[in-house]
Amino acid sequence: MKRSSRITIKDLAKQLKISTSTVSRALRDHHEIKAETKKAVLELAKKLDYQPNEVSLSLLKKKTKMIGVVVPKMGYHFFSAALDGIEAVTQKAGYTVMVCQTNESYEREVQNIRNMAAGRVDGVLVSVSGETKDYEHFRQLQRKGIPLVFFDRECKSIEASRVLVDNYGASCKVVEHLAEMGCKKIAYLGGPHSLALSNTRLQGYKDTLERLGLPIEEKWEVHCDVSRDGARIAAEKLIDQEDIPDAIFAMSDRLATTAMGLLKERNIKIPDDIAVVGFNNEPIAPIMTPSLTSVKQSEFEIGQLAAEILLNEIDSDDELEVPISRMIKTELIIRESSKKIKS
């Protein structure tokens, strides 16, 4: 993929099979250009999100020294820690960071991206919202020549650099640990299907169950939005069935702690009856009762690396032929919530 895919007058002329001078005059509403030609040029320019050269080139040559960061929610420990890493890099380079949160809303994400593009940020770091299923707003950003880097949560259909954790490998570690603890009916409490990282963790869960010869049951796989209400409803589906699981692997600590609260209400012992493992190693994990086993991520490092990649793309005069992809390893922190006494 080229670093900048900004649409030019030449692109419009080529598609319409007319001269660049005709396109230029049509865009300026020149009286010598026929009405039907003007209409065709303007419609194609709108469709391809063309930005007039006299405006876009002058702006592209002059950096604003500002980057945009779009995250689902600053209240999530992961993103506040990742932002520390981002700012550690950007401040040294003399950049200001503008942070927007989507609150897991697709509409807010689209508006945030549009506002950042209009404000002429030099580049954007994005962690995709839980609701996002259409990615045209990211393509529009790229067409304007603004570098884009995903971190933690990605959009697989967009060719852009990204920094992720090893979600698949982490899931394998979780299932292997639960199996070692004697669990045979391991459930997955996941996020929405639109969330790529949840699907990747699900795949690691399923593949490891199959490799270990443990059952893969549709009834032990539930999905929800990332709210606590959604997590509670999903957890109820797991424990209100006749054949309940003996372990729950939750996509995040937020979902895991919600499930633990429900288990305690139902007088289900953790981990004796049902073991629980989360993901993110939030600050609450070690102080829960029982303390929560969780996957530790290097949030600060992820933010640092994502910012470094973005600044390199902003400063580079060369076209980026292949997007950069970096994978950060994880560590499983074993605590009381999964330490079953094996019979």
C-alpha atoms as a PDB file:
ATOM      1  CA  MET A   1       0.000   0.000   0.000  1.00  0.00           C
ATOM      2  CA  LYS A   2       1.239   3.501  -0.744  1.00  0.00           C
ATOM      3  CA  ARG A   3       1.604   5.754   2.243  1.00  0.00           C
ATOM      4  CA  SER A   4      -0.503   8.384   0.526  1.00  0.00           C
ATOM      5  CA  SER A   5      -3.392   7.451  -1.737  1.00  0.00           C
ATOM      6  CA  ARG A   6      -4.614  11.040  -2.185  1.00  0.00           C
ATOM      7  CA  ILE A   7      -6.760  11.437  -5.279  1.00  0.00           C
ATOM      8  CA  THR A   8      -5.325  13.891  -7.831  1.00  0.00           C
ATOM      9  CA  ILE A   9      -6.659  15.714 -10.907  1.00  0.00           C
ATOM     10  CA  LYS A  10      -4.780  13.177 -13.026  1.00  0.00           C
ATOM     11  CA  ASP A  11      -6.781  10.351 -11.412  1.00  0.00           C
ATOM     12  CA  LEU A  12     -10.056  12.098 -12.214  1.00  0.00           C
ATOM     13  CA  ALA A  13      -8.967  12.832 -15.790  1.00  0.00           C
ATOM     14  CA  LYS A  14      -7.876   9.244 -16.373  1.00  0.00           C
ATOM     15  CA  GLN A  15     -11.180   7.779 -15.175  1.00  0.00           C
ATOM     16  CA  LEU A  16     -13.249  10.257 -17.183  1.00  0.00           C
ATOM     17  CA  LYS A  17     -10.935  10.031 -20.235  1.00  0.00           C
ATOM     18  CA  ILE A  18     -10.569  13.792 -20.526  1.00  0.00           C
ATOM     19  CA  SER A  19      -7.617  16.152 -20.121  1.00  0.00           C
ATOM     20  CA  THR A  20      -6.343  17.346 -16.748  1.00  0.00           C
ATOM     21  CA  SER A  21      -6.889  20.953 -17.861  1.00  0.00           C
ATOM     22  CA  THR A  22     -10.559  20.180 -18.548  1.00  0.00           C
ATOM     23  CA  VAL A  23     -10.928  18.648 -15.085  1.00  0.00           C
ATOM     24  CA  SER A  24      -9.211  21.639 -13.485  1.00  0.00           C
ATOM     25  CA  ARG A  25     -11.463  24.141 -15.270  1.00  0.00           C
ATOM     26  CA  ALA A  26     -14.586  22.081 -14.497  1.00  0.00           C
ATOM     27  CA  LEU A  27     -13.709  22.132 -10.801  1.00  0.00           C
ATOM     28  CA  ARG A  28     -13.391  25.921 -10.991  1.00  0.00           C
ATOM     29  CA  ASP A  29     -16.771  26.145 -12.785  1.00  0.00           C
ATOM     30  CA  HIS A  30     -15.184  27.625 -15.904  1.00  0.00           C
ATOM     31  CA  HIS A  31     -17.749  28.937 -18.408  1.00  0.00           C
ATOM     32  CA  GLU A  32     -16.114  27.143 -21.367  1.00  0.00           C
ATOM     33  CA  ILE A  33     -16.792  23.682 -19.893  1.00  0.00           C
ATOM     34  CA  LYS A  34     -20.055  21.991 -20.779  1.00  0.00           C
ATOM     35  CA  ALA A  35     -22.604  21.440 -18.007  1.00  0.00           C
ATOM     36  CA  GLU A  36     -22.605  17.653 -18.425  1.00  0.00           C
ATOM     37  CA  THR A  37     -18.804  17.563 -18.162  1.00  0.00           C
ATOM     38  CA  LYS A  38     -18.872  19.683 -15.014  1.00  0.00           C
ATOM     39  CA  LYS A  39     -21.476  17.378 -13.520  1.00  0.00           C
ATOM     40  CA  ALA A  40     -19.440  14.252 -14.304  1.00  0.00           C
ATOM     41  CA  VAL A  41     -16.273  15.772 -12.829  1.00  0.00           C
ATOM     42  CA  LEU A  42     -17.957  16.982  -9.656  1.00  0.00           C
ATOM     43  CA  GLU A  43     -19.752  13.682  -9.078  1.00  0.00           C
ATOM     44  CA  LEU A  44     -16.537  11.671  -9.454  1.00  0.00           C
ATOM     45  CA  ALA A  45     -14.626  14.137  -7.266  1.00  0.00           C
ATOM     46  CA  LYS A  46     -17.211  13.718  -4.525  1.00  0.00           C
ATOM     47  CA  LYS A  47     -17.261   9.933  -4.883  1.00  0.00           C
ATOM     48  CA  LEU A  48     -13.470   9.645  -4.599  1.00  0.00           C
ATOM     49  CA  ASP A  49     -13.214  12.335  -1.895  1.00  0.00           C
ATOM     50  CA  TYR A  50     -10.929  14.510  -4.041  1.00  0.00           C
ATOM     51  CA  GLN A  51      -9.188  17.390  -2.247  1.00  0.00           C
ATOM     52  CA  PRO A  52      -8.242  20.398  -4.455  1.00  0.00           C
ATOM     53  CA  ASN A  53      -4.509  20.591  -5.028  1.00  0.00           C
ATOM     54  CA  GLU A  54      -4.169  24.255  -4.226  1.00  0.00           C
ATOM     55  CA  VAL A  55      -5.484  23.548  -0.740  1.00  0.00           C
ATOM     56  CA  SER A  56      -4.257  20.045   0.035  1.00  0.00           C
ATOM     57  CA  LEU A  57      -0.703  20.430  -1.219  1.00  0.00           C
ATOM     58  CA  SER A  58      -0.052  23.564   0.794  1.00  0.00           C
ATOM     59  CA  LEU A  59      -1.389  21.851   3.908  1.00  0.00           C
ATOM     60  CA  LEU A  60       0.467  18.608   3.336  1.00  0.00           C
ATOM     61  CA  LYS A  61       3.775  20.473   3.028  1.00  0.00           C
ATOM     62  CA  LYS A  62       3.186  22.254   6.306  1.00  0.00           C
ATOM     63  CA  LYS A  63       2.963  19.971   9.322  1.00  0.00           C
ATOM     64  CA  THR A  64       0.660  20.860  12.171  1.00  0.00           C
ATOM     65  CA  LYS A  65       2.830  18.880  14.634  1.00  0.00           C
ATOM     66  CA  MET A  66      -0.347  17.302  15.980  1.00  0.00           C
ATOM     67  CA  ILE A  67      -1.461  13.687  15.923  1.00  0.00           C
ATOM     68  CA  GLY A  68      -4.890  12.313  16.702  1.00  0.00           C
ATOM     69  CA  VAL A  69      -5.569   9.340  18.977  1.00  0.00           C
ATOM     70  CA  VAL A  70      -8.969   7.640  18.904  1.00  0.00           C
ATOM     71  CA  VAL A  71      -9.729   5.085  21.636  1.00  0.00           C
ATOM     72  CA  PRO A  72     -12.890   3.271  22.782  1.00  0.00           C
ATOM     73  CA  LYS A  73     -12.767   4.628  26.348  1.00  0.00           C
ATOM     74  CA  MET A  74     -10.135   6.409  28.405  1.00  0.00           C
ATOM     75  CA  GLY A  75     -11.589   4.762  31.508  1.00  0.00           C
ATOM     76  CA  TYR A  76     -10.113   1.438  30.374  1.00  0.00           C
ATOM     77  CA  HIS A  77      -6.744   0.955  32.058  1.00  0.00           C
ATOM     78  CA  PHE A  78      -5.191  -0.364  28.842  1.00  0.00           C
ATOM     79  CA  PHE A  79      -5.778   2.849  26.905  1.00  0.00           C
ATOM     80  CA  SER A  80      -4.711   5.246  29.637  1.00  0.00           C
ATOM     81  CA  ALA A  81      -1.451   3.279  29.986  1.00  0.00           C
ATOM     82  CA  ALA A  82      -0.970   3.082  26.216  1.00  0.00           C
ATOM     83  CA  LEU A  83      -1.472   6.853  25.989  1.00  0.00           C
ATOM     84  CA  ASP A  84       1.415   7.328  28.419  1.00  0.00           C
ATOM     85  CA  GLY A  85       3.589   5.401  25.974  1.00  0.00           C
ATOM     86  CA  ILE A  86       2.299   7.423  23.021  1.00  0.00           C
ATOM     87  CA  GLU A  87       3.003  10.745  24.733  1.00  0.00           C
ATOM     88  CA  ALA A  88       6.470   9.627  25.822  1.00  0.00           C
ATOM     89  CA  VAL A  89       7.370   9.388  22.125  1.00  0.00           C
ATOM     90  CA  THR A  90       5.392  12.291  20.676  1.00  0.00           C
ATOM     91  CA  GLN A  91       6.496  14.873  23.248  1.00  0.00           C
ATOM     92  CA  LYS A  92      10.161  14.217  22.487  1.00  0.00           C
ATOM     93  CA  ALA A  93       9.401  14.772  18.805  1.00  0.00           C
ATOM     94  CA  GLY A  94       7.603  18.052  19.521  1.00  0.00           C
ATOM     95  CA  TYR A  95       4.112  16.774  18.716  1.00  0.00           C
ATOM     96  CA  THR A  96       0.857  17.545  20.506  1.00  0.00           C
ATOM     97  CA  VAL A  97      -1.626  14.709  21.020  1.00  0.00           C
ATOM     98  CA  MET A  98      -5.368  15.194  20.546  1.00  0.00           C
ATOM     99  CA  VAL A  99      -7.312  12.353  22.181  1.00  0.00           C
ATOM    100  CA  CYS A 100     -10.926  11.416  21.434  1.00  0.00           C
ATOM    101  CA  GLN A 101     -12.941   8.543  22.850  1.00  0.00           C
ATOM    102  CA  THR A 102     -15.751   6.770  21.065  1.00  0.00           C
ATOM    103  CA  ASN A 103     -17.433   5.128  24.074  1.00  0.00           C
ATOM    104  CA  GLU A 104     -17.572   2.047  21.819  1.00  0.00           C
ATOM    105  CA  SER A 105     -19.822   3.945  19.371  1.00  0.00           C
ATOM    106  CA  TYR A 106     -19.370   3.637  15.605  1.00  0.00           C
ATOM    107  CA  GLU A 107     -21.052   7.000  14.972  1.00  0.00           C
ATOM    108  CA  ARG A 108     -18.758   8.786  17.407  1.00  0.00           C
ATOM    109  CA  GLU A 109     -15.746   7.098  15.861  1.00  0.00           C
ATOM    110  CA  VAL A 110     -16.728   8.317  12.383  1.00  0.00           C
ATOM    111  CA  GLN A 111     -17.245  11.863  13.668  1.00  0.00           C
ATOM    112  CA  ASN A 112     -13.940  11.836  15.546  1.00  0.00           C
ATOM    113  CA  ILE A 113     -12.066  10.746  12.431  1.00  0.00           C
ATOM    114  CA  ARG A 114     -13.778  13.392  10.293  1.00  0.00           C
ATOM    115  CA  ASN A 115     -13.009  16.125  12.825  1.00  0.00           C
ATOM    116  CA  MET A 116      -9.359  15.105  12.967  1.00  0.00           C
ATOM    117  CA  ALA A 117      -9.069  15.066   9.185  1.00  0.00           C
ATOM    118  CA  ALA A 118     -10.682  18.507   8.987  1.00  0.00           C
ATOM    119  CA  GLY A 119      -8.301  19.797  11.660  1.00  0.00           C
ATOM    120  CA  ARG A 120      -5.377  18.567   9.584  1.00  0.00           C
ATOM    121  CA  VAL A 121      -3.653  16.311  12.070  1.00  0.00           C
ATOM    122  CA  ASP A 122      -0.410  14.890  10.680  1.00  0.00           C
ATOM    123  CA  GLY A 123      -1.408  11.311  11.491  1.00  0.00           C
ATOM    124  CA  VAL A 124      -3.875   9.214  13.486  1.00  0.00           C
ATOM    125  CA  LEU A 125      -3.586   6.319  15.932  1.00  0.00           C
ATOM    126  CA  VAL A 126      -6.794   4.292  16.274  1.00  0.00           C
ATOM    127  CA  SER A 127      -8.143   1.500  18.429  1.00  0.00           C
ATOM    128  CA  VAL A 128     -11.433   0.508  16.798  1.00  0.00           C
ATOM    129  CA  SER A 129     -14.755   0.717  18.654  1.00  0.00           C
ATOM    130  CA  GLY A 130     -16.744  -2.397  19.522  1.00  0.00           C
ATOM    131  CA  GLU A 131     -19.602  -1.342  17.216  1.00  0.00           C
ATOM    132  CA  THR A 132     -17.549  -0.664  14.084  1.00  0.00           C
ATOM    133  CA  LYS A 133     -18.406  -2.854  11.103  1.00  0.00           C
ATOM    134  CA  ASP A 134     -17.992  -0.339   8.267  1.00  0.00           C
ATOM    135  CA  TYR A 135     -14.538   1.132   7.681  1.00  0.00           C
ATOM    136  CA  GLU A 136     -15.080   3.727   4.963  1.00  0.00           C
ATOM    137  CA  HIS A 137     -14.086   6.568   7.319  1.00  0.00           C
ATOM    138  CA  PHE A 138     -10.610   5.056   7.588  1.00  0.00           C
ATOM    139  CA  ARG A 139     -10.345   4.788   3.817  1.00  0.00           C
ATOM    140  CA  GLN A 140     -11.326   8.448   3.509  1.00  0.00           C
ATOM    141  CA  LEU A 141      -8.542   9.340   5.926  1.00  0.00           C
ATOM    142  CA  GLN A 142      -6.023   7.446   3.810  1.00  0.00           C
ATOM    143  CA  ARG A 143      -7.284   9.029   0.591  1.00  0.00           C
ATOM    144  CA  LYS A 144      -6.460  12.400   2.120  1.00  0.00           C
ATOM    145  CA  GLY A 145      -2.885  11.231   2.584  1.00  0.00           C
ATOM    146  CA  ILE A 146      -3.043  11.124   6.402  1.00  0.00           C
ATOM    147  CA  PRO A 147      -1.013   8.210   7.872  1.00  0.00           C
ATOM    148  CA  LEU A 148      -3.040   5.771   9.955  1.00  0.00           C
ATOM    149  CA  VAL A 149      -1.799   3.202  12.490  1.00  0.00           C
ATOM    150  CA  PHE A 150      -4.023   0.778  14.408  1.00  0.00           C
ATOM    151  CA  PHE A 151      -3.093  -0.370  17.902  1.00  0.00           C
ATOM    152  CA  ASP A 152      -4.619  -3.106  20.094  1.00  0.00           C
ATOM    153  CA  ARG A 153      -7.849  -3.234  18.081  1.00  0.00           C
ATOM    154  CA  GLU A 154      -7.493  -3.375  14.321  1.00  0.00           C
ATOM    155  CA  CYS A 155      -9.500  -3.397  11.125  1.00  0.00           C
ATOM    156  CA  LYS A 156      -8.235  -6.322   9.057  1.00  0.00           C
ATOM    157  CA  SER A 157      -9.748  -5.059   5.795  1.00  0.00           C
ATOM    158  CA  ILE A 158      -7.754  -1.790   5.892  1.00  0.00           C
ATOM    159  CA  GLU A 159      -4.153  -1.817   4.677  1.00  0.00           C
ATOM    160  CA  ALA A 160      -2.393   0.140   7.392  1.00  0.00           C
ATOM    161  CA  SER A 161       0.368  -0.390   9.919  1.00  0.00           C
ATOM    162  CA  ARG A 162      -0.643  -1.917  13.252  1.00  0.00           C
ATOM    163  CA  VAL A 163       0.686  -2.863  16.675  1.00  0.00           C
ATOM    164  CA  LEU A 164      -1.115  -5.748  18.381  1.00  0.00           C
ATOM    165  CA  VAL A 165      -0.604  -8.195  21.188  1.00  0.00           C
ATOM    166  CA  ASP A 166      -0.302 -11.909  20.488  1.00  0.00           C
ATOM    167  CA  ASN A 167      -3.981 -12.579  21.118  1.00  0.00           C
ATOM    168  CA  TYR A 168      -3.896 -16.059  19.602  1.00  0.00           C
ATOM    169  CA  GLY A 169      -0.867 -17.209  21.584  1.00  0.00           C
ATOM    170  CA  ALA A 170      -2.256 -15.736  24.800  1.00  0.00           C
ATOM    171  CA  SER A 171      -5.501 -17.691  24.383  1.00  0.00           C
ATOM    172  CA  CYS A 172      -3.536 -20.894  23.887  1.00  0.00           C
ATOM    173  CA  LYS A 173      -1.708 -20.261  27.178  1.00  0.00           C
ATOM    174  CA  VAL A 174      -5.000 -19.677  29.016  1.00  0.00           C
ATOM    175  CA  VAL A 175      -6.648 -22.888  27.792  1.00  0.00           C
ATOM    176  CA  GLU A 176      -3.494 -24.923  28.450  1.00  0.00           C
ATOM    177  CA  HIS A 177      -3.353 -23.578  32.012  1.00  0.00           C
ATOM    178  CA  LEU A 178      -7.016 -24.361  32.681  1.00  0.00           C
ATOM    179  CA  ALA A 179      -6.551 -27.854  31.295  1.00  0.00           C
ATOM    180  CA  GLU A 180      -3.566 -28.348  33.603  1.00  0.00           C
ATOM    181  CA  MET A 181      -5.830 -27.352  36.493  1.00  0.00           C
ATOM    182  CA  GLY A 182      -8.151 -30.227  35.538  1.00  0.00           C
ATOM    183  CA  CYS A 183     -10.816 -28.187  33.739  1.00  0.00           C
ATOM    184  CA  LYS A 184     -12.593 -30.142  31.017  1.00  0.00           C
ATOM    185  CA  LYS A 185     -15.547 -27.886  30.164  1.00  0.00           C
ATOM    186  CA  ILE A 186     -13.986 -24.535  29.319  1.00  0.00           C
ATOM    187  CA  ALA A 187     -16.252 -21.704  28.182  1.00  0.00           C
ATOM    188  CA  TYR A 188     -15.389 -18.531  26.262  1.00  0.00           C
ATOM    189  CA  LEU A 189     -17.006 -15.230  27.220  1.00  0.00           C
ATOM    190  CA  GLY A 190     -16.227 -13.015  24.239  1.00  0.00           C
ATOM    191  CA  GLY A 191     -16.914  -9.569  22.883  1.00  0.00           C
ATOM    192  CA  PRO A 192     -18.927  -8.693  19.767  1.00  0.00           C
ATOM    193  CA  HIS A 193     -18.150 -10.571  16.551  1.00  0.00           C
ATOM    194  CA  SER A 194     -17.171  -7.263  14.946  1.00  0.00           C
ATOM    195  CA  LEU A 195     -14.174  -7.023  17.295  1.00  0.00           C
ATOM    196  CA  ALA A 196     -11.191  -8.663  15.587  1.00  0.00           C
ATOM    197  CA  LEU A 197      -9.209  -9.301  18.772  1.00  0.00           C
ATOM    198  CA  SER A 198     -12.129 -11.175  20.338  1.00  0.00           C
ATOM    199  CA  ASN A 199     -12.370 -13.395  17.270  1.00  0.00           C
ATOM    200  CA  THR A 200      -8.625 -14.062  17.341  1.00  0.00           C
ATOM    201  CA  ARG A 201      -8.768 -15.031  21.020  1.00  0.00           C
ATOM    202  CA  LEU A 202     -11.746 -17.256  20.224  1.00  0.00           C
ATOM    203  CA  GLN A 203      -9.782 -19.021  17.508  1.00  0.00           C
ATOM    204  CA  GLY A 204      -6.867 -19.663  19.859  1.00  0.00           C
ATOM    205  CA  TYR A 205      -9.319 -21.036  22.427  1.00  0.00           C
ATOM    206  CA  LYS A 206     -10.950 -23.406  19.933  1.00  0.00           C
ATOM    207  CA  ASP A 207      -7.716 -24.594  18.363  1.00  0.00           C
ATOM    208  CA  THR A 208      -6.205 -25.395  21.751  1.00  0.00           C
ATOM    209  CA  LEU A 209      -9.290 -27.270  22.921  1.00  0.00           C
ATOM    210  CA  GLU A 210      -9.122 -29.364  19.770  1.00  0.00           C
ATOM    211  CA  ARG A 211      -5.400 -30.006  20.176  1.00  0.00           C
ATOM    212  CA  LEU A 212      -5.896 -31.104  23.797  1.00  0.00           C
ATOM    213  CA  GLY A 213      -8.877 -33.308  22.952  1.00  0.00           C
ATOM    214  CA  LEU A 214     -11.298 -31.235  25.036  1.00  0.00           C
ATOM    215  CA  PRO A 215     -14.912 -30.643  23.955  1.00  0.00           C
ATOM    216  CA  ILE A 216     -15.837 -27.636  21.834  1.00  0.00           C
ATOM    217  CA  GLU A 217     -19.458 -26.862  22.632  1.00  0.00           C
ATOM    218  CA  GLU A 218     -21.493 -24.078  21.043  1.00  0.00           C
ATOM    219  CA  LYS A 219     -23.392 -23.616  24.317  1.00  0.00           C
ATOM    220  CA  TRP A 220     -20.117 -22.743  26.073  1.00  0.00           C
ATOM    221  CA  GLU A 221     -19.330 -19.904  23.668  1.00  0.00           C
ATOM    222  CA  VAL A 222     -21.197 -16.659  24.357  1.00  0.00           C
ATOM    223  CA  HIS A 223     -20.686 -13.120  23.055  1.00  0.00           C
ATOM    224  CA  CYS A 224     -21.767  -9.699  24.242  1.00  0.00           C
ATOM    225  CA  ASP A 225     -21.011  -6.016  23.931  1.00  0.00           C
ATOM    226  CA  VAL A 226     -18.239  -4.871  26.239  1.00  0.00           C
ATOM    227  CA  SER A 227     -20.538  -3.298  28.841  1.00  0.00           C
ATOM    228  CA  ARG A 228     -21.061  -4.811  32.288  1.00  0.00           C
ATOM    229  CA  ASP A 229     -24.780  -5.313  31.588  1.00  0.00           C
ATOM    230  CA  GLY A 230     -23.943  -7.190  28.404  1.00  0.00           C
ATOM    231  CA  ALA A 231     -21.356  -9.302  30.210  1.00  0.00           C
ATOM    232  CA  ARG A 232     -23.821 -10.208  32.970  1.00  0.00           C
ATOM    233  CA  ILE A 233     -26.469 -11.353  30.479  1.00  0.00           C
ATOM    234  CA  ALA A 234     -23.887 -13.445  28.625  1.00  0.00           C
ATOM    235  CA  ALA A 235     -22.542 -14.979  31.850  1.00  0.00           C
ATOM    236  CA  GLU A 236     -26.091 -15.889  32.891  1.00  0.00           C
ATOM    237  CA  LYS A 237     -26.436 -17.873  29.659  1.00  0.00           C
ATOM    238  CA  LEU A 238     -23.449 -19.957  30.710  1.00  0.00           C
ATOM    239  CA  ILE A 239     -24.477 -20.759  34.257  1.00  0.00           C
ATOM    240  CA  ASP A 240     -28.247 -21.054  33.744  1.00  0.00           C
ATOM    241  CA  GLN A 241     -27.903 -24.159  31.595  1.00  0.00           C
ATOM    242  CA  GLU A 242     -27.991 -27.743  32.852  1.00  0.00           C
ATOM    243  CA  ASP A 243     -24.478 -28.588  31.708  1.00  0.00           C
ATOM    244  CA  ILE A 244     -22.540 -25.635  33.103  1.00  0.00           C
ATOM    245  CA  PRO A 245     -18.824 -25.176  32.365  1.00  0.00           C
ATOM    246  CA  ASP A 246     -16.114 -25.665  34.963  1.00  0.00           C
ATOM    247  CA  ALA A 247     -14.062 -22.710  33.689  1.00  0.00           C
ATOM    248  CA  ILE A 248     -14.681 -19.351  32.006  1.00  0.00           C
ATOM    249  CA  PHE A 249     -12.087 -17.637  29.840  1.00  0.00           C
ATOM    250  CA  ALA A 250     -13.230 -14.029  29.436  1.00  0.00           C
ATOM    251  CA  MET A 251     -12.048 -11.752  26.646  1.00  0.00           C
ATOM    252  CA  SER A 252     -11.265  -8.980  29.147  1.00  0.00           C
ATOM    253  CA  ASP A 253     -10.975  -8.410  32.880  1.00  0.00           C
ATOM    254  CA  ARG A 254     -14.102  -6.242  32.686  1.00  0.00           C
ATOM    255  CA  LEU A 255     -16.091  -9.253  31.472  1.00  0.00           C
ATOM    256  CA  ALA A 256     -14.294 -11.606  33.875  1.00  0.00           C
ATOM    257  CA  THR A 257     -14.984  -9.523  36.998  1.00  0.00           C
ATOM    258  CA  THR A 258     -18.632  -9.145  36.000  1.00  0.00           C
ATOM    259  CA  ALA A 259     -18.893 -12.926  35.652  1.00  0.00           C
ATOM    260  CA  MET A 260     -17.218 -13.371  39.044  1.00  0.00           C
ATOM    261  CA  GLY A 261     -19.740 -11.058  40.664  1.00  0.00           C
ATOM    262  CA  LEU A 262     -22.577 -13.137  39.241  1.00  0.00           C
ATOM    263  CA  LEU A 263     -20.994 -16.406  40.385  1.00  0.00           C
ATOM    264  CA  LYS A 264     -20.692 -15.059  43.922  1.00  0.00           C
ATOM    265  CA  GLU A 265     -24.371 -14.033  43.902  1.00  0.00           C
ATOM    266  CA  ARG A 266     -25.286 -17.590  42.928  1.00  0.00           C
ATOM    267  CA  ASN A 267     -23.005 -19.066  45.620  1.00  0.00           C
ATOM    268  CA  ILE A 268     -20.877 -20.746  42.971  1.00  0.00           C
ATOM    269  CA  LYS A 269     -17.356 -21.192  44.327  1.00  0.00           C
ATOM    270  CA  ILE A 270     -14.394 -19.738  42.430  1.00  0.00           C
ATOM    271  CA  PRO A 271     -12.303 -21.627  41.405  1.00  0.00           C
ATOM    272  CA  ASP A 272     -13.606 -24.887  42.935  1.00  0.00           C
ATOM    273  CA  ASP A 273     -16.829 -24.941  40.918  1.00  0.00           C
ATOM    274  CA  ILE A 274     -15.856 -22.609  38.075  1.00  0.00           C
ATOM    275  CA  ALA A 275     -12.389 -21.223  37.423  1.00  0.00           C
ATOM    276  CA  VAL A 276     -12.151 -17.750  35.839  1.00  0.00           C
ATOM    277  CA  VAL A 277      -9.423 -16.159  33.704  1.00  0.00           C
ATOM    278  CA  GLY A 278      -9.442 -12.636  32.296  1.00  0.00           C
ATOM    279  CA  PHE A 279      -7.362 -10.616  29.862  1.00  0.00           C
ATOM    280  CA  ASN A 280      -5.578  -7.239  30.353  1.00  0.00           C
ATOM    281  CA  ASN A 281      -4.306  -7.646  33.938  1.00  0.00           C
ATOM    282  CA  GLU A 282      -6.187  -4.557  35.106  1.00  0.00           C
ATOM    283  CA  PRO A 283      -5.144  -3.034  38.490  1.00  0.00           C
ATOM    284  CA  ILE A 284      -8.257  -4.598  40.065  1.00  0.00           C
ATOM    285  CA  ALA A 285      -7.144  -8.147  39.163  1.00  0.00           C
ATOM    286  CA  PRO A 286      -4.761  -8.763  42.110  1.00  0.00           C
ATOM    287  CA  ILE A 287      -7.105  -7.217  44.702  1.00  0.00           C
ATOM    288  CA  MET A 288     -10.220  -9.162  43.717  1.00  0.00           C
ATOM    289  CA  THR A 289     -11.441 -11.904  46.049  1.00  0.00           C
ATOM    290  CA  PRO A 290     -10.307 -14.331  44.860  1.00  0.00           C
ATOM    291  CA  SER A 291      -7.538 -12.601  42.933  1.00  0.00           C
ATOM    292  CA  LEU A 292      -8.024 -12.848  39.175  1.00  0.00           C
ATOM    293  CA  THR A 293      -5.767 -14.805  36.848  1.00  0.00           C
ATOM    294  CA  SER A 294      -5.216 -12.623  33.801  1.00  0.00           C
ATOM    295  CA  VAL A 295      -3.126 -12.078  30.676  1.00  0.00           C
ATOM    296  CA  LYS A 296      -0.634  -9.259  31.103  1.00  0.00           C
ATOM    297  CA  GLN A 297      -0.030  -6.916  28.145  1.00  0.00           C
ATOM    298  CA  SER A 298       2.700  -4.288  27.765  1.00  0.00           C
ATOM    299  CA  GLU A 299       0.380  -1.321  27.260  1.00  0.00           C
ATOM    300  CA  PHE A 300       3.111   1.314  27.540  1.00  0.00           C
ATOM    301  CA  GLU A 301       5.296  -0.510  25.008  1.00  0.00           C
ATOM    302  CA  ILE A 302       2.362  -0.879  22.604  1.00  0.00           C
ATOM    303  CA  GLY A 303       1.690   2.867  22.760  1.00  0.00           C
ATOM    304  CA  GLN A 304       5.367   3.686  22.295  1.00  0.00           C
ATOM    305  CA  LEU A 305       5.795   1.431  19.296  1.00  0.00           C
ATOM    306  CA  ALA A 306       2.580   2.594  17.616  1.00  0.00           C
ATOM    307  CA  ALA A 307       3.643   6.244  18.006  1.00  0.00           C
ATOM    308  CA  GLU A 308       7.136   5.539  16.669  1.00  0.00           C
ATOM    309  CA  ILE A 309       5.726   3.849  13.570  1.00  0.00           C
ATOM    310  CA  LEU A 310       3.276   6.700  12.973  1.00  0.00           C
ATOM    311  CA  LEU A 311       5.932   9.417  13.307  1.00  0.00           C
ATOM    312  CA  ASN A 312       8.223   7.527  10.920  1.00  0.00           C
ATOM    313  CA  GLU A 313       5.421   7.412   8.360  1.00  0.00           C
ATOM    314  CA  ILE A 314       4.698  11.113   8.840  1.00  0.00           C
ATOM    315  CA  ASP A 315       8.360  12.050   8.399  1.00  0.00           C
ATOM    316  CA  SER A 316       9.092   9.698   5.523  1.00  0.00           C
ATOM    317  CA  ASP A 317       9.202  11.082   1.995  1.00  0.00           C
ATOM    318  CA  ASP A 318       9.104   7.543   0.600  1.00  0.00           C
ATOM    319  CA  GLU A 319       5.932   5.664  -0.201  1.00  0.00           C
ATOM    320  CA  LEU A 320       5.102   2.828   2.173  1.00  0.00           C
ATOM    321  CA  GLU A 321       4.749  -0.230  -0.032  1.00  0.00           C
ATOM    322  CA  VAL A 322       3.996  -2.730   2.762  1.00  0.00           C
ATOM    323  CA  PRO A 323       2.305  -1.760   6.056  1.00  0.00           C
ATOM    324  CA  ILE A 324       4.301  -2.496   9.200  1.00  0.00           C
ATOM    325  CA  SER A 325       2.869  -5.099  11.569  1.00  0.00           C
ATOM    326  CA  ARG A 326       4.280  -5.672  15.061  1.00  0.00           C
ATOM    327  CA  MET A 327       3.188  -8.336  17.555  1.00  0.00           C
ATOM    328  CA  ILE A 328       3.830  -7.928  21.287  1.00  0.00           C
ATOM    329  CA  LYS A 329       4.145 -11.022  23.475  1.00  0.00           C
ATOM    330  CA  THR A 330       2.011 -11.519  26.588  1.00  0.00           C
ATOM    331  CA  GLU A 331       2.398 -13.178  29.997  1.00  0.00           C
ATOM    332  CA  LEU A 332      -0.189 -15.195  31.899  1.00  0.00           C
ATOM    333  CA  ILE A 333      -0.295 -14.067  35.543  1.00  0.00           C
ATOM    334  CA  ILE A 334      -1.714 -16.995  37.518  1.00  0.00           C
ATOM    335  CA  ARG A 335      -3.688 -16.105  40.660  1.00  0.00           C
ATOM    336  CA  GLU A 336      -6.344 -17.656  42.892  1.00  0.00           C
ATOM    337  CA  SER A 337      -9.310 -17.557  40.486  1.00  0.00           C
ATOM    338  CA  SER A 338      -7.942 -20.435  38.402  1.00  0.00           C
ATOM    339  CA  LYS A 339      -5.959 -22.488  40.920  1.00  0.00           C
ATOM    340  CA  LYS A 340      -8.216 -25.492  41.187  1.00  0.00           C
ATOM    341  CA  ILE A 341      -7.285 -28.344  43.520  1.00  0.00           C
ATOM    342  CA  LYS A 342      -6.973 -31.216  41.095  1.00  0.00           C
ATOM    343  CA  SER A 343      -8.658 -34.408  42.203  1.00  0.00           C
END
